[in-house]
Amino acid sequence: MNFGMILIWIAFILGAASAAYSIIHLRTNSTSAGSLSRKLELGCTAAITLAILMLTYYLLTVSASYVYVYMHSSVDLEFVYRLSALWAGQEGSFLLWTWFTLLMLLAMQYTGHTKELFDSRVMNITRAICLLIVTVFLMLLVLKNPFSMYYGDVGSYVEISNWNPFVSAYPLTDGQGMNPLLRNPWMAVHPPVLFLGYAAFTIPFAAALATLIIDDEKWIKISRDWMRMAWLFLTAGIGLGGFWAYEVLGWGAWYWTWDPVETSSLIPWITATAYLHAQTRVQHGEYRFLAPMLAVTSFILVIFATFVTRSGMWVSVHSWQDFTLEGMVIAIFLLLLLGSSLVLLVRRYFEDDED
């Protein structure tokens, strides 16, 4: 087990522990539990940051004994494409998404007007839900570790098990490089912009669930700016993706073809747009059901878009793999989100109906 794998495991353990202690803090109002949860969160963020830096270094130096590096980088690639290889594959994409989410979670607590709600109940519930989501992403990284290595002689293509620390690894080749369709300048911009949008959707979702649980209208102070950011980055990501497809896929005069992955990214954009209009009336006591429903729906649709892309169940120019264990985990996660959100929304609906 190499140091990169160890970092991913440490991040997962720290993230899961931080989520657990945040729940303990909510149930017992223990100051020590809350403080420990935040320290563990910082440790998790540090571990993921170091993992990002390590993988980036391996991609830039083409350390081809790592499976992910071999698959997505090569010595003949220009610098910008070696850097873009970080988000060219499934493992790197989830690593980047998780890192963005953790950074945004810290920003929510310690910067802007949301820091005024620090250690309030609505903030603590929002934070706990975000940490649970991060833990699921970290579990995906453990299942499909970006630091898995090849072993054996040059030319051998047997992958080291994540659980075998005793087999040495040897450099194989100079790397096969990324998919030719990805060798485009838009590759350096479109995916990270899109992942920034996806990560930002986490906070409005968690804040909406918080208000559904405790009926605190201060949730809108947390979700408002983060939904604006999510909408902005998702809009830019969809637009940049259209330019990319126009150049690479030869769609002629069209920037949009209703590809399944394109459509699945557009739908949360529509619900997020509706939310941005609805939130302006929340402070006047309106849309108590509609506004949180739209925030919840937007994030669930983002996870659905990820499932469409990563599962391989839909025929799409964006899909490159068959249905995998990671796709199954995302599907289960999606069902859990849908089920728990539906229960809370139904409860809010009947409460408002009685009023």
Protein backbone atom coordinates (compact mmCIF):
# COMPACT_ATOMS: atom_id res chain seq x y z
CA MET A 1 0.00 0.00 0.00
CA ASN A 2 1.68 3.22 -1.15
CA PHE A 3 1.51 6.62 0.54
CA GLY A 4 -1.17 7.89 -1.84
CA MET A 5 -3.48 5.01 -0.92
CA ILE A 6 -2.78 5.66 2.76
CA LEU A 7 -3.78 9.32 2.31
CA ILE A 8 -7.11 8.30 0.76
CA TRP A 9 -7.79 5.90 3.62
CA ILE A 10 -6.83 8.55 6.20
CA ALA A 11 -9.14 11.06 4.52
CA PHE A 12 -11.99 8.54 4.55
CA ILE A 13 -11.48 7.67 8.23
CA LEU A 14 -11.19 11.32 9.26
CA GLY A 15 -14.21 12.32 7.15
CA ALA A 16 -16.37 9.53 8.55
CA ALA A 17 -15.25 10.33 12.10
CA SER A 18 -15.94 14.03 11.58
CA ALA A 19 -19.46 13.23 10.35
CA ALA A 20 -20.04 10.91 13.33
CA TYR A 21 -18.89 13.48 15.88
CA SER A 22 -20.97 16.19 14.20
CA ILE A 23 -24.04 13.99 14.74
CA ILE A 24 -23.01 13.37 18.37
CA HIS A 25 -22.66 17.14 18.80
CA LEU A 26 -26.18 17.62 17.44
CA ARG A 27 -27.69 15.00 19.72
CA THR A 28 -25.83 15.86 22.93
CA ASN A 29 -24.84 19.49 22.37
CA SER A 30 -21.33 18.48 23.46
CA THR A 31 -18.86 21.28 22.83
CA SER A 32 -15.94 18.85 22.81
CA ALA A 33 -17.62 16.68 20.16
CA GLY A 34 -18.22 19.70 17.96
CA SER A 35 -14.64 20.90 18.36
CA LEU A 36 -13.23 17.46 17.60
CA SER A 37 -15.46 17.14 14.53
CA ARG A 38 -14.09 20.39 13.11
CA LYS A 39 -10.49 19.32 13.76
CA LEU A 40 -11.13 16.01 12.01
CA GLU A 41 -12.71 17.91 9.10
CA LEU A 42 -9.57 20.04 8.76
CA GLY A 43 -7.44 16.89 8.84
CA CYS A 44 -9.59 15.29 6.14
CA THR A 45 -9.26 18.39 3.96
CA ALA A 46 -5.48 18.43 4.46
CA ALA A 47 -5.20 14.73 3.49
CA ILE A 48 -7.26 15.23 0.31
CA THR A 49 -5.26 18.35 -0.57
CA LEU A 50 -2.02 16.41 -0.23
CA ALA A 51 -3.47 13.56 -2.30
CA ILE A 52 -4.43 16.04 -5.06
CA LEU A 53 -0.91 17.49 -5.07
CA MET A 54 0.68 14.02 -5.17
CA LEU A 55 -1.48 12.78 -8.04
CA THR A 56 -0.85 16.00 -9.97
CA TYR A 57 2.90 15.54 -9.50
CA TYR A 58 2.72 11.92 -10.70
CA LEU A 59 0.72 12.97 -13.77
CA LEU A 60 3.14 15.77 -14.64
CA THR A 61 6.17 13.49 -14.22
CA VAL A 62 4.34 10.56 -15.90
CA SER A 63 4.93 8.04 -13.11
CA ALA A 64 3.39 5.29 -15.21
CA SER A 65 3.55 2.61 -12.54
CA TYR A 66 0.35 4.17 -11.20
CA VAL A 67 -2.68 2.86 -13.06
CA TYR A 68 -4.40 6.24 -13.26
CA VAL A 69 -1.26 7.96 -14.54
CA TYR A 70 -0.65 5.25 -17.12
CA MET A 71 -4.23 5.49 -18.39
CA HIS A 72 -4.43 9.28 -18.68
CA SER A 73 -0.94 10.76 -19.01
CA SER A 74 2.09 10.23 -21.25
CA VAL A 75 5.44 11.84 -22.02
CA ASP A 76 4.23 13.13 -25.39
CA LEU A 77 1.41 15.18 -23.84
CA GLU A 78 1.77 18.91 -23.44
CA PHE A 79 1.88 20.31 -19.91
CA VAL A 80 -1.75 21.51 -19.97
CA TYR A 81 -3.01 18.02 -20.89
CA ARG A 82 -0.89 16.30 -18.26
CA LEU A 83 -2.45 18.66 -15.73
CA SER A 84 -5.94 18.11 -17.18
CA ALA A 85 -5.42 14.37 -16.79
CA LEU A 86 -6.24 14.93 -13.11
CA TRP A 87 -9.92 15.08 -14.03
CA ALA A 88 -9.80 12.94 -17.18
CA GLY A 89 -10.88 9.76 -15.39
CA GLN A 90 -13.42 8.64 -12.83
CA GLU A 91 -11.07 8.50 -9.83
CA GLY A 92 -9.55 11.93 -10.44
CA SER A 93 -12.97 13.48 -11.04
CA PHE A 94 -14.33 12.26 -7.72
CA LEU A 95 -11.12 13.34 -5.98
CA LEU A 96 -11.46 16.86 -7.38
CA TRP A 97 -15.19 17.02 -6.58
CA THR A 98 -14.59 15.89 -3.00
CA TRP A 99 -11.82 18.45 -2.54
CA PHE A 100 -14.02 21.28 -3.86
CA THR A 101 -16.84 20.24 -1.52
CA LEU A 102 -14.57 20.22 1.53
CA LEU A 103 -13.14 23.64 0.67
CA MET A 104 -16.63 25.08 0.20
CA LEU A 105 -17.75 23.55 3.49
CA LEU A 106 -14.90 25.32 5.28
CA ALA A 107 -15.67 28.58 3.46
CA MET A 108 -19.33 28.34 4.50
CA GLN A 109 -18.38 28.10 8.18
CA TYR A 110 -15.59 30.66 8.41
CA THR A 111 -16.18 33.30 5.71
CA GLY A 112 -18.91 35.64 4.47
CA HIS A 113 -22.17 36.37 6.21
CA THR A 114 -22.73 32.66 6.92
CA LYS A 115 -20.04 32.72 9.61
CA GLU A 116 -22.56 34.66 11.73
CA LEU A 117 -24.45 31.37 12.03
CA PHE A 118 -21.38 29.49 13.25
CA ASP A 119 -22.38 26.75 15.73
CA SER A 120 -26.08 27.53 15.30
CA ARG A 121 -28.32 24.49 15.04
CA VAL A 122 -29.21 25.08 11.39
CA MET A 123 -25.51 25.46 10.54
CA ASN A 124 -24.54 22.33 12.46
CA ILE A 125 -27.20 20.23 10.73
CA THR A 126 -26.15 21.62 7.34
CA ARG A 127 -22.54 20.80 8.11
CA ALA A 128 -23.35 17.27 9.31
CA ILE A 129 -25.27 16.49 6.12
CA CYS A 130 -22.44 17.85 3.97
CA LEU A 131 -19.95 15.68 5.86
CA LEU A 132 -22.09 12.59 5.32
CA ILE A 133 -22.13 13.31 1.58
CA VAL A 134 -18.36 13.83 1.59
CA THR A 135 -17.97 10.48 3.37
CA VAL A 136 -19.83 8.75 0.54
CA PHE A 137 -17.50 10.34 -2.01
CA LEU A 138 -14.49 9.28 0.05
CA MET A 139 -15.84 5.74 0.14
CA LEU A 140 -15.98 5.79 -3.66
CA LEU A 141 -12.32 6.86 -3.70
CA VAL A 142 -11.45 3.96 -1.39
CA LEU A 143 -13.27 1.55 -3.69
CA LYS A 144 -11.58 2.97 -6.79
CA ASN A 145 -8.32 4.35 -5.44
CA PRO A 146 -6.51 6.76 -7.82
CA PHE A 147 -3.16 5.53 -6.44
CA SER A 148 -3.51 1.87 -7.42
CA MET A 149 -0.29 0.56 -9.01
CA TYR A 150 0.87 -2.04 -11.50
CA TYR A 151 3.44 -4.63 -10.50
CA GLY A 152 5.78 -7.07 -12.14
CA ASP A 153 8.25 -6.70 -14.97
CA VAL A 154 8.11 -4.08 -17.70
CA GLY A 155 5.10 -4.79 -19.87
CA SER A 156 3.15 -6.51 -17.10
CA TYR A 157 -0.39 -5.26 -16.66
CA VAL A 158 -1.50 -6.80 -13.37
CA GLU A 159 -2.92 -4.35 -10.89
CA ILE A 160 -1.88 -4.32 -7.25
CA SER A 161 -4.68 -5.02 -4.81
CA ASN A 162 -5.41 -2.14 -2.44
CA TRP A 163 -4.94 -4.60 0.38
CA ASN A 164 -1.52 -5.99 -0.58
CA PRO A 165 1.34 -3.88 0.84
CA PHE A 166 4.03 -6.49 0.15
CA VAL A 167 4.31 -6.48 -3.65
CA SER A 168 6.78 -4.03 -5.14
CA ALA A 169 5.89 -1.92 -8.17
CA TYR A 170 8.02 -1.13 -11.20
CA PRO A 171 7.69 1.56 -13.89
CA LEU A 172 6.03 0.14 -16.99
CA THR A 173 5.99 2.50 -19.96
CA ASP A 174 5.77 6.18 -20.71
CA GLY A 175 1.97 6.03 -20.36
CA GLN A 176 -0.71 5.60 -22.98
CA GLY A 177 -2.10 9.13 -22.63
CA MET A 178 -5.67 10.35 -22.46
CA ASN A 179 -8.46 9.72 -24.93
CA PRO A 180 -7.83 11.74 -28.14
CA LEU A 181 -11.28 13.36 -27.80
CA LEU A 182 -10.10 14.89 -24.53
CA ARG A 183 -7.01 16.49 -26.03
CA ASN A 184 -8.61 19.87 -26.47
CA PRO A 185 -7.99 23.20 -24.67
CA TRP A 186 -11.55 23.14 -23.32
CA MET A 187 -10.55 20.04 -21.34
CA ALA A 188 -8.51 22.29 -19.07
CA VAL A 189 -11.55 24.45 -18.23
CA HIS A 190 -14.88 22.69 -18.72
CA PRO A 191 -14.65 19.79 -16.18
CA PRO A 192 -13.29 21.77 -13.18
CA VAL A 193 -15.85 24.54 -13.75
CA LEU A 194 -18.61 21.93 -13.87
CA PHE A 195 -17.33 20.21 -10.72
CA LEU A 196 -17.24 23.55 -8.90
CA GLY A 197 -20.92 23.91 -9.72
CA TYR A 198 -21.70 20.35 -8.65
CA ALA A 199 -19.86 20.83 -5.35
CA ALA A 200 -21.64 24.11 -4.60
CA PHE A 201 -25.05 22.39 -4.93
CA THR A 202 -24.23 20.37 -1.79
CA ILE A 203 -24.65 23.29 0.60
CA PRO A 204 -28.15 24.48 -0.51
CA PHE A 205 -29.27 20.84 -0.42
CA ALA A 206 -27.99 20.35 3.13
CA ALA A 207 -29.42 23.69 4.29
CA ALA A 208 -32.81 22.81 2.79
CA LEU A 209 -32.83 19.48 4.64
CA ALA A 210 -31.89 21.37 7.81
CA THR A 211 -34.95 23.61 7.58
CA LEU A 212 -37.15 20.62 6.79
CA ILE A 213 -35.89 19.01 10.00
CA ILE A 214 -36.05 21.97 12.43
CA ASP A 215 -38.07 24.61 10.51
CA ASP A 216 -35.49 27.40 10.76
CA GLU A 217 -35.90 30.11 8.12
CA LYS A 218 -32.26 31.16 8.55
CA TRP A 219 -31.41 28.33 6.15
CA ILE A 220 -31.92 30.76 3.29
CA LYS A 221 -28.91 32.79 4.49
CA ILE A 222 -26.76 29.71 3.99
CA SER A 223 -28.22 28.50 0.72
CA ARG A 224 -28.76 31.78 -1.14
CA ASP A 225 -25.22 32.68 -2.21
CA TRP A 226 -24.11 29.07 -2.65
CA MET A 227 -26.99 28.34 -5.03
CA ARG A 228 -26.05 31.44 -7.00
CA MET A 229 -22.49 30.14 -7.22
CA ALA A 230 -23.70 26.67 -8.21
CA TRP A 231 -25.94 28.14 -10.91
CA LEU A 232 -23.13 30.36 -12.23
CA PHE A 233 -20.58 27.56 -12.52
CA LEU A 234 -23.09 25.08 -13.93
CA THR A 235 -24.14 27.63 -16.55
CA ALA A 236 -20.52 28.24 -17.50
CA GLY A 237 -19.77 24.50 -17.51
CA ILE A 238 -22.69 23.69 -19.82
CA GLY A 239 -21.74 26.54 -22.14
CA LEU A 240 -18.08 25.53 -22.29
CA GLY A 241 -19.11 21.94 -22.91
CA GLY A 242 -21.15 23.08 -25.91
CA PHE A 243 -18.12 24.83 -27.43
CA TRP A 244 -16.02 21.73 -26.81
CA ALA A 245 -18.51 19.44 -28.51
CA TYR A 246 -18.82 21.86 -31.43
CA GLU A 247 -15.07 21.69 -32.06
CA VAL A 248 -14.33 18.02 -31.34
CA LEU A 249 -17.42 16.00 -32.21
CA GLY A 250 -18.27 17.70 -35.47
CA TRP A 251 -21.86 18.60 -34.71
CA GLY A 252 -21.85 21.16 -37.48
CA ALA A 253 -23.80 24.32 -36.69
CA TRP A 254 -25.19 22.91 -33.45
CA TYR A 255 -23.77 23.22 -29.95
CA TRP A 256 -26.43 20.97 -28.42
CA THR A 257 -27.72 17.54 -29.43
CA TRP A 258 -29.75 16.45 -26.37
CA ASP A 259 -27.18 13.85 -25.49
CA PRO A 260 -28.21 12.05 -22.24
CA VAL A 261 -25.37 13.58 -20.23
CA GLU A 262 -26.03 17.06 -21.59
CA THR A 263 -29.71 16.78 -20.77
CA SER A 264 -29.05 15.43 -17.29
CA SER A 265 -26.88 18.51 -16.57
CA LEU A 266 -29.49 20.89 -17.98
CA ILE A 267 -32.31 19.65 -15.75
CA PRO A 268 -30.70 20.70 -12.41
CA TRP A 269 -29.87 24.03 -14.05
CA ILE A 270 -33.60 24.53 -14.66
CA THR A 271 -34.57 23.64 -11.09
CA ALA A 272 -31.76 25.84 -9.72
CA THR A 273 -33.05 28.74 -11.82
CA ALA A 274 -36.53 28.20 -10.39
CA TYR A 275 -35.07 28.15 -6.88
CA LEU A 276 -33.27 31.46 -7.40
CA HIS A 277 -36.63 33.05 -8.22
CA ALA A 278 -38.43 31.33 -5.34
CA GLN A 279 -35.86 32.27 -2.70
CA THR A 280 -36.61 35.99 -3.11
CA ARG A 281 -40.01 35.40 -1.50
CA VAL A 282 -38.94 33.08 1.32
CA GLN A 283 -38.16 35.98 3.66
CA HIS A 284 -41.78 37.10 3.21
CA GLY A 285 -43.05 33.77 4.46
CA GLU A 286 -43.82 32.34 1.05
CA TYR A 287 -42.69 29.13 -0.67
CA ARG A 288 -42.00 27.31 2.59
CA PHE A 289 -42.42 24.04 0.70
CA LEU A 290 -41.41 24.98 -2.85
CA ALA A 291 -38.05 26.64 -2.10
CA PRO A 292 -36.50 23.75 -0.10
CA MET A 293 -38.02 21.27 -2.52
CA LEU A 294 -36.23 22.96 -5.44
CA ALA A 295 -32.92 23.07 -3.53
CA VAL A 296 -33.21 19.37 -2.67
CA THR A 297 -34.29 18.41 -6.18
CA SER A 298 -31.38 20.30 -7.77
CA PHE A 299 -28.74 18.33 -5.86
CA ILE A 300 -30.48 15.00 -6.38
CA LEU A 301 -30.55 15.74 -10.12
CA VAL A 302 -26.82 16.53 -9.99
CA ILE A 303 -26.17 13.09 -8.47
CA PHE A 304 -28.45 11.61 -11.14
CA ALA A 305 -26.39 13.38 -13.83
CA THR A 306 -23.28 11.83 -12.31
CA PHE A 307 -24.92 8.40 -12.38
CA VAL A 308 -25.83 8.86 -16.04
CA THR A 309 -22.22 9.75 -16.84
CA ARG A 310 -20.45 7.16 -14.69
CA SER A 311 -22.74 4.14 -14.82
CA GLY A 312 -22.47 3.40 -18.56
CA MET A 313 -26.17 2.48 -18.64
CA TRP A 314 -26.98 5.23 -21.17
CA VAL A 315 -25.49 5.44 -24.65
CA SER A 316 -23.68 8.77 -24.67
CA VAL A 317 -20.59 10.36 -26.18
CA HIS A 318 -19.62 11.18 -22.58
CA SER A 319 -19.68 7.59 -21.32
CA TRP A 320 -16.61 5.37 -21.58
CA GLN A 321 -17.29 2.40 -19.32
CA ASP A 322 -19.78 -0.32 -18.46
CA PHE A 323 -21.82 -0.49 -15.28
CA THR A 324 -19.38 -0.69 -12.36
CA LEU A 325 -19.38 -1.11 -8.60
CA GLU A 326 -18.96 2.65 -8.32
CA GLY A 327 -22.06 3.12 -10.47
CA MET A 328 -23.98 0.82 -8.14
CA VAL A 329 -22.83 2.80 -5.08
CA ILE A 330 -23.95 6.04 -6.74
CA ALA A 331 -27.32 4.44 -7.54
CA ILE A 332 -27.80 3.37 -3.90
CA PHE A 333 -26.71 6.82 -2.70
CA LEU A 334 -29.20 8.41 -5.10
CA LEU A 335 -32.03 6.24 -3.79
CA LEU A 336 -31.15 7.08 -0.17
CA LEU A 337 -31.12 10.79 -0.95
CA LEU A 338 -34.42 10.52 -2.77
CA GLY A 339 -36.09 8.49 -0.03
CA SER A 340 -34.97 10.60 2.93
CA SER A 341 -35.71 13.87 1.12
CA LEU A 342 -39.16 12.66 0.11
CA VAL A 343 -40.03 11.79 3.72
CA LEU A 344 -39.03 15.26 4.94
CA LEU A 345 -40.79 17.03 2.08
CA VAL A 346 -44.02 15.10 2.65
CA ARG A 347 -43.89 15.99 6.35
CA ARG A 348 -43.42 19.69 5.52
CA TYR A 349 -46.25 19.57 3.00
CA PHE A 350 -48.77 18.16 5.48
CA GLU A 351 -47.59 20.53 8.23
CA ASP A 352 -48.19 23.53 5.96
CA ASP A 353 -51.50 22.07 4.85
CA GLU A 354 -52.67 21.86 8.46
CA ASP A 355 -51.68 25.48 9.06
